[in-house]
Amino acid sequence: MDVGILFKIGAVGILVSVLCQVLKHSGREEQAFLASLAGLIIVLFWILPYIYDLFEDIKKLFVL
């Protein structure tokens, strides 16, 4: 696993949290929710290949 992915996830987390705070203080709670959901989906798509590789390695380990 590359260390760069951790920095990307951290950057997205900081960006989304700042954006959500700005949107919530301006009275746009729905857009804040959608921004946090979009951030979550982006991060999940980034880590999905790593999760797939993890399950493949476990499968090879136990020879299923």
PDB file of N, CA and C in Angstrom:
ATOM      1  N   MET A   1       0.846  -1.177   0.000  1.00  0.00           N
ATOM      2  CA  MET A   1       0.000   0.000   0.000  1.00  0.00           C
ATOM      3  C   MET A   1       0.888   1.236   0.000  1.00  0.00           C
ATOM      4  N   ASP A   2       0.517   2.170  -0.804  1.00  0.00           N
ATOM      5  CA  ASP A   2       1.304   3.379  -0.966  1.00  0.00           C
ATOM      6  C   ASP A   2       0.922   4.405   0.097  1.00  0.00           C
ATOM      7  N   VAL A   3       1.909   5.145   0.574  1.00  0.00           N
ATOM      8  CA  VAL A   3       1.666   6.163   1.597  1.00  0.00           C
ATOM      9  C   VAL A   3       0.904   7.342   1.002  1.00  0.00           C
ATOM     10  N   GLY A   4       1.047   7.551  -0.295  1.00  0.00           N
ATOM     11  CA  GLY A   4       0.359   8.659  -0.958  1.00  0.00           C
ATOM     12  C   GLY A   4      -1.144   8.587  -0.847  1.00  0.00           C
ATOM     13  N   ILE A   5      -1.695   7.383  -0.820  1.00  0.00           N
ATOM     14  CA  ILE A   5      -3.159   7.236  -0.706  1.00  0.00           C
ATOM     15  C   ILE A   5      -3.636   7.746   0.647  1.00  0.00           C
ATOM     16  N   LEU A   6      -2.812   7.594   1.685  1.00  0.00           N
ATOM     17  CA  LEU A   6      -3.197   8.103   3.001  1.00  0.00           C
ATOM     18  C   LEU A   6      -3.241   9.622   3.010  1.00  0.00           C
ATOM     19  N   PHE A   7      -2.290  10.244   2.316  1.00  0.00           N
ATOM     20  CA  PHE A   7      -2.302  11.700   2.219  1.00  0.00           C
ATOM     21  C   PHE A   7      -3.496  12.195   1.408  1.00  0.00           C
ATOM     22  N   LYS A   8      -3.850  11.459   0.354  1.00  0.00           N
ATOM     23  CA  LYS A   8      -5.021  11.828  -0.448  1.00  0.00           C
ATOM     24  C   LYS A   8      -6.294  11.745   0.383  1.00  0.00           C
ATOM     25  N   ILE A   9      -6.426  10.668   1.161  1.00  0.00           N
ATOM     26  CA  ILE A   9      -7.613  10.498   1.998  1.00  0.00           C
ATOM     27  C   ILE A   9      -7.680  11.599   3.051  1.00  0.00           C
ATOM     28  N   GLY A  10      -6.543  11.929   3.636  1.00  0.00           N
ATOM     29  CA  GLY A  10      -6.504  13.009   4.620  1.00  0.00           C
ATOM     30  C   GLY A  10      -6.875  14.350   4.007  1.00  0.00           C
ATOM     31  N   ALA A  11      -6.372  14.616   2.801  1.00  0.00           N
ATOM     32  CA  ALA A  11      -6.688  15.876   2.128  1.00  0.00           C
ATOM     33  C   ALA A  11      -8.169  15.977   1.799  1.00  0.00           C
ATOM     34  N   VAL A  12      -8.740  14.885   1.338  1.00  0.00           N
ATOM     35  CA  VAL A  12     -10.179  14.889   1.035  1.00  0.00           C
ATOM     36  C   VAL A  12     -10.981  15.074   2.320  1.00  0.00           C
ATOM     37  N   GLY A  13     -10.554  14.446   3.395  1.00  0.00           N
ATOM     38  CA  GLY A  13     -11.252  14.600   4.670  1.00  0.00           C
ATOM     39  C   GLY A  13     -11.237  16.025   5.169  1.00  0.00           C
ATOM     40  N   ILE A  14     -10.078  16.671   5.088  1.00  0.00           N
ATOM     41  CA  ILE A  14      -9.978  18.065   5.520  1.00  0.00           C
ATOM     42  C   ILE A  14     -10.821  18.965   4.629  1.00  0.00           C
ATOM     43  N   LEU A  15     -10.721  18.762   3.318  1.00  0.00           N
ATOM     44  CA  LEU A  15     -11.485  19.577   2.380  1.00  0.00           C
ATOM     45  C   LEU A  15     -12.986  19.426   2.581  1.00  0.00           C
ATOM     46  N   VAL A  16     -13.435  18.200   2.750  1.00  0.00           N
ATOM     47  CA  VAL A  16     -14.868  17.952   2.932  1.00  0.00           C
ATOM     48  C   VAL A  16     -15.351  18.526   4.259  1.00  0.00           C
ATOM     49  N   SER A  17     -14.561  18.407   5.301  1.00  0.00           N
ATOM     50  CA  SER A  17     -15.002  18.933   6.594  1.00  0.00           C
ATOM     51  C   SER A  17     -15.103  20.457   6.572  1.00  0.00           C
ATOM     52  N   VAL A  18     -14.152  21.130   5.927  1.00  0.00           N
ATOM     53  CA  VAL A  18     -14.228  22.588   5.803  1.00  0.00           C
ATOM     54  C   VAL A  18     -15.431  22.990   4.958  1.00  0.00           C
ATOM     55  N   LEU A  19     -15.626  22.296   3.859  1.00  0.00           N
ATOM     56  CA  LEU A  19     -16.764  22.591   2.992  1.00  0.00           C
ATOM     57  C   LEU A  19     -18.086  22.372   3.713  1.00  0.00           C
ATOM     58  N   CYS A  20     -18.177  21.311   4.479  1.00  0.00           N
ATOM     59  CA  CYS A  20     -19.411  21.034   5.224  1.00  0.00           C
ATOM     60  C   CYS A  20     -19.672  22.100   6.281  1.00  0.00           C
ATOM     61  N   GLN A  21     -18.638  22.544   6.965  1.00  0.00           N
ATOM     62  CA  GLN A  21     -18.818  23.598   7.970  1.00  0.00           C
ATOM     63  C   GLN A  21     -19.289  24.894   7.329  1.00  0.00           C
ATOM     64  N   VAL A  22     -18.722  25.252   6.198  1.00  0.00           N
ATOM     65  CA  VAL A  22     -19.136  26.470   5.502  1.00  0.00           C
ATOM     66  C   VAL A  22     -20.581  26.354   5.046  1.00  0.00           C
ATOM     67  N   LEU A  23     -20.929  25.208   4.494  1.00  0.00           N
ATOM     68  CA  LEU A  23     -22.300  25.029   4.017  1.00  0.00           C
ATOM     69  C   LEU A  23     -23.303  25.011   5.162  1.00  0.00           C
ATOM     70  N   LYS A  24     -22.947  24.391   6.280  1.00  0.00           N
ATOM     71  CA  LYS A  24     -23.859  24.342   7.418  1.00  0.00           C
ATOM     72  C   LYS A  24     -24.083  25.718   8.022  1.00  0.00           C
ATOM     73  N   HIS A  25     -23.034  26.524   8.079  1.00  0.00           N
ATOM     74  CA  HIS A  25     -23.169  27.862   8.660  1.00  0.00           C
ATOM     75  C   HIS A  25     -23.941  28.799   7.739  1.00  0.00           C
ATOM     76  N   SER A  26     -23.993  28.481   6.455  1.00  0.00           N
ATOM     77  CA  SER A  26     -24.770  29.304   5.530  1.00  0.00           C
ATOM     78  C   SER A  26     -26.195  28.781   5.374  1.00  0.00           C
ATOM     79  N   GLY A  27     -26.538  27.743   6.136  1.00  0.00           N
ATOM     80  CA  GLY A  27     -27.906  27.231   6.130  1.00  0.00           C
ATOM     81  C   GLY A  27     -28.209  26.236   5.033  1.00  0.00           C
ATOM     82  N   ARG A  28     -27.209  25.622   4.491  1.00  0.00           N
ATOM     83  CA  ARG A  28     -27.421  24.643   3.410  1.00  0.00           C
ATOM     84  C   ARG A  28     -27.023  23.250   3.884  1.00  0.00           C
ATOM     85  N   GLU A  29     -27.819  22.724   4.783  1.00  0.00           N
ATOM     86  CA  GLU A  29     -27.498  21.421   5.370  1.00  0.00           C
ATOM     87  C   GLU A  29     -27.576  20.288   4.344  1.00  0.00           C
ATOM     88  N   GLU A  30     -28.500  20.414   3.388  1.00  0.00           N
ATOM     89  CA  GLU A  30     -28.646  19.354   2.379  1.00  0.00           C
ATOM     90  C   GLU A  30     -27.405  19.258   1.506  1.00  0.00           C
ATOM     91  N   GLN A  31     -26.878  20.417   1.089  1.00  0.00           N
ATOM     92  CA  GLN A  31     -25.669  20.407   0.275  1.00  0.00           C
ATOM     93  C   GLN A  31     -24.470  19.923   1.083  1.00  0.00           C
ATOM     94  N   ALA A  32     -24.442  20.224   2.383  1.00  0.00           N
ATOM     95  CA  ALA A  32     -23.363  19.739   3.240  1.00  0.00           C
ATOM     96  C   ALA A  32     -23.392  18.219   3.323  1.00  0.00           C
ATOM     97  N   PHE A  33     -24.585  17.672   3.444  1.00  0.00           N
ATOM     98  CA  PHE A  33     -24.722  16.210   3.477  1.00  0.00           C
ATOM     99  C   PHE A  33     -24.266  15.596   2.163  1.00  0.00           C
ATOM    100  N   LEU A  34     -24.652  16.198   1.046  1.00  0.00           N
ATOM    101  CA  LEU A  34     -24.257  15.669  -0.254  1.00  0.00           C
ATOM    102  C   LEU A  34     -22.751  15.794  -0.476  1.00  0.00           C
ATOM    103  N   ALA A  35     -22.142  16.850   0.035  1.00  0.00           N
ATOM    104  CA  ALA A  35     -20.687  17.005  -0.090  1.00  0.00           C
ATOM    105  C   ALA A  35     -19.964  15.931   0.714  1.00  0.00           C
ATOM    106  N   SER A  36     -20.443  15.657   1.918  1.00  0.00           N
ATOM    107  CA  SER A  36     -19.801  14.612   2.716  1.00  0.00           C
ATOM    108  C   SER A  36     -20.020  13.228   2.095  1.00  0.00           C
ATOM    109  N   LEU A  37     -21.184  13.015   1.520  1.00  0.00           N
ATOM    110  CA  LEU A  37     -21.451  11.745   0.839  1.00  0.00           C
ATOM    111  C   LEU A  37     -20.560  11.592  -0.389  1.00  0.00           C
ATOM    112  N   ALA A  38     -20.365  12.670  -1.132  1.00  0.00           N
ATOM    113  CA  ALA A  38     -19.492  12.618  -2.308  1.00  0.00           C
ATOM    114  C   ALA A  38     -18.056  12.331  -1.895  1.00  0.00           C
ATOM    115  N   GLY A  39     -17.593  12.937  -0.802  1.00  0.00           N
ATOM    116  CA  GLY A  39     -16.251  12.661  -0.314  1.00  0.00           C
ATOM    117  C   GLY A  39     -16.081  11.210   0.082  1.00  0.00           C
ATOM    118  N   LEU A  40     -17.088  10.666   0.730  1.00  0.00           N
ATOM    119  CA  LEU A  40     -17.042   9.253   1.126  1.00  0.00           C
ATOM    120  C   LEU A  40     -16.982   8.336  -0.089  1.00  0.00           C
ATOM    121  N   ILE A  41     -17.771   8.631  -1.092  1.00  0.00           N
ATOM    122  CA  ILE A  41     -17.789   7.796  -2.297  1.00  0.00           C
ATOM    123  C   ILE A  41     -16.452   7.871  -3.033  1.00  0.00           C
ATOM    124  N   ILE A  42     -15.866   9.056  -3.098  1.00  0.00           N
ATOM    125  CA  ILE A  42     -14.558   9.201  -3.747  1.00  0.00           C
ATOM    126  C   ILE A  42     -13.512   8.355  -3.034  1.00  0.00           C
ATOM    127  N   VAL A  43     -13.489   8.438  -1.718  1.00  0.00           N
ATOM    128  CA  VAL A  43     -12.499   7.673  -0.955  1.00  0.00           C
ATOM    129  C   VAL A  43     -12.749   6.174  -1.088  1.00  0.00           C
ATOM    130  N   LEU A  44     -14.003   5.759  -1.093  1.00  0.00           N
ATOM    131  CA  LEU A  44     -14.300   4.334  -1.258  1.00  0.00           C
ATOM    132  C   LEU A  44     -13.843   3.817  -2.613  1.00  0.00           C
ATOM    133  N   PHE A  45     -13.997   4.614  -3.664  1.00  0.00           N
ATOM    134  CA  PHE A  45     -13.515   4.181  -4.974  1.00  0.00           C
ATOM    135  C   PHE A  45     -11.999   4.101  -5.019  1.00  0.00           C
ATOM    136  N   TRP A  46     -11.314   4.956  -4.233  1.00  0.00           N
ATOM    137  CA  TRP A  46      -9.855   4.892  -4.185  1.00  0.00           C
ATOM    138  C   TRP A  46      -9.366   3.650  -3.462  1.00  0.00           C
ATOM    139  N   ILE A  47     -10.049   3.245  -2.384  1.00  0.00           N
ATOM    140  CA  ILE A  47      -9.545   2.115  -1.605  1.00  0.00           C
ATOM    141  C   ILE A  47     -10.140   0.779  -2.035  1.00  0.00           C
ATOM    142  N   LEU A  48     -11.087   0.798  -2.948  1.00  0.00           N
ATOM    143  CA  LEU A  48     -11.701  -0.449  -3.411  1.00  0.00           C
ATOM    144  C   LEU A  48     -10.685  -1.431  -3.997  1.00  0.00           C
ATOM    145  N   PRO A  49      -9.721  -1.003  -4.830  1.00  0.00           N
ATOM    146  CA  PRO A  49      -8.724  -1.980  -5.326  1.00  0.00           C
ATOM    147  C   PRO A  49      -7.883  -2.592  -4.214  1.00  0.00           C
ATOM    148  N   TYR A  50      -7.582  -1.822  -3.171  1.00  0.00           N
ATOM    149  CA  TYR A  50      -6.801  -2.360  -2.059  1.00  0.00           C
ATOM    150  C   TYR A  50      -7.609  -3.402  -1.285  1.00  0.00           C
ATOM    151  N   ILE A  51      -8.888  -3.165  -1.129  1.00  0.00           N
ATOM    152  CA  ILE A  51      -9.745  -4.142  -0.454  1.00  0.00           C
ATOM    153  C   ILE A  51      -9.845  -5.414  -1.289  1.00  0.00           C
ATOM    154  N   TYR A  52      -9.960  -5.256  -2.604  1.00  0.00           N
ATOM    155  CA  TYR A  52     -10.011  -6.419  -3.485  1.00  0.00           C
ATOM    156  C   TYR A  52      -8.719  -7.234  -3.376  1.00  0.00           C
ATOM    157  N   ASP A  53      -7.576  -6.544  -3.399  1.00  0.00           N
ATOM    158  CA  ASP A  53      -6.292  -7.246  -3.266  1.00  0.00           C
ATOM    159  C   ASP A  53      -6.175  -7.955  -1.919  1.00  0.00           C
ATOM    160  N   LEU A  54      -6.694  -7.330  -0.871  1.00  0.00           N
ATOM    161  CA  LEU A  54      -6.665  -7.956   0.450  1.00  0.00           C
ATOM    162  C   LEU A  54      -7.437  -9.268   0.458  1.00  0.00           C
ATOM    163  N   PHE A  55      -8.644  -9.262  -0.110  1.00  0.00           N
ATOM    164  CA  PHE A  55      -9.439 -10.492  -0.141  1.00  0.00           C
ATOM    165  C   PHE A  55      -8.819 -11.542  -1.049  1.00  0.00           C
ATOM    166  N   GLU A  56      -8.181 -11.120  -2.129  1.00  0.00           N
ATOM    167  CA  GLU A  56      -7.495 -12.083  -2.991  1.00  0.00           C
ATOM    168  C   GLU A  56      -6.309 -12.720  -2.265  1.00  0.00           C
ATOM    169  N   ASP A  57      -5.571 -11.920  -1.502  1.00  0.00           N
ATOM    170  CA  ASP A  57      -4.444 -12.473  -0.745  1.00  0.00           C
ATOM    171  C   ASP A  57      -4.921 -13.436   0.333  1.00  0.00           C
ATOM    172  N   ILE A  58      -6.024 -13.109   0.989  1.00  0.00           N
ATOM    173  CA  ILE A  58      -6.586 -14.014   1.997  1.00  0.00           C
ATOM    174  C   ILE A  58      -7.061 -15.304   1.340  1.00  0.00           C
ATOM    175  N   LYS A  59      -7.665 -15.171   0.165  1.00  0.00           N
ATOM    176  CA  LYS A  59      -8.134 -16.345  -0.559  1.00  0.00           C
ATOM    177  C   LYS A  59      -6.952 -17.247  -0.944  1.00  0.00           C
ATOM    178  N   LYS A  60      -5.856 -16.648  -1.412  1.00  0.00           N
ATOM    179  CA  LYS A  60      -4.667 -17.429  -1.751  1.00  0.00           C
ATOM    180  C   LYS A  60      -4.022 -18.045  -0.514  1.00  0.00           C
ATOM    181  N   LEU A  61      -4.093 -17.333   0.588  1.00  0.00           N
ATOM    182  CA  LEU A  61      -3.492 -17.831   1.824  1.00  0.00           C
ATOM    183  C   LEU A  61      -4.171 -19.114   2.290  1.00  0.00           C
ATOM    184  N   PHE A  62      -5.485 -19.131   2.220  1.00  0.00           N
ATOM    185  CA  PHE A  62      -6.232 -20.294   2.679  1.00  0.00           C
ATOM    186  C   PHE A  62      -6.584 -21.250   1.545  1.00  0.00           C
ATOM    187  N   VAL A  63      -6.209 -20.968   0.333  1.00  0.00           N
ATOM    188  CA  VAL A  63      -6.416 -21.783  -0.855  1.00  0.00           C
ATOM    189  C   VAL A  63      -7.870 -22.244  -0.939  1.00  0.00           C
ATOM    190  N   LEU A  64      -8.731 -21.254  -1.087  1.00  0.00           N
ATOM    191  CA  LEU A  64     -10.165 -21.568  -1.208  1.00  0.00           C
ATOM    192  C   LEU A  64     -10.587 -21.633  -2.641  1.00  0.00           C
TER     193      LEU A  64
END
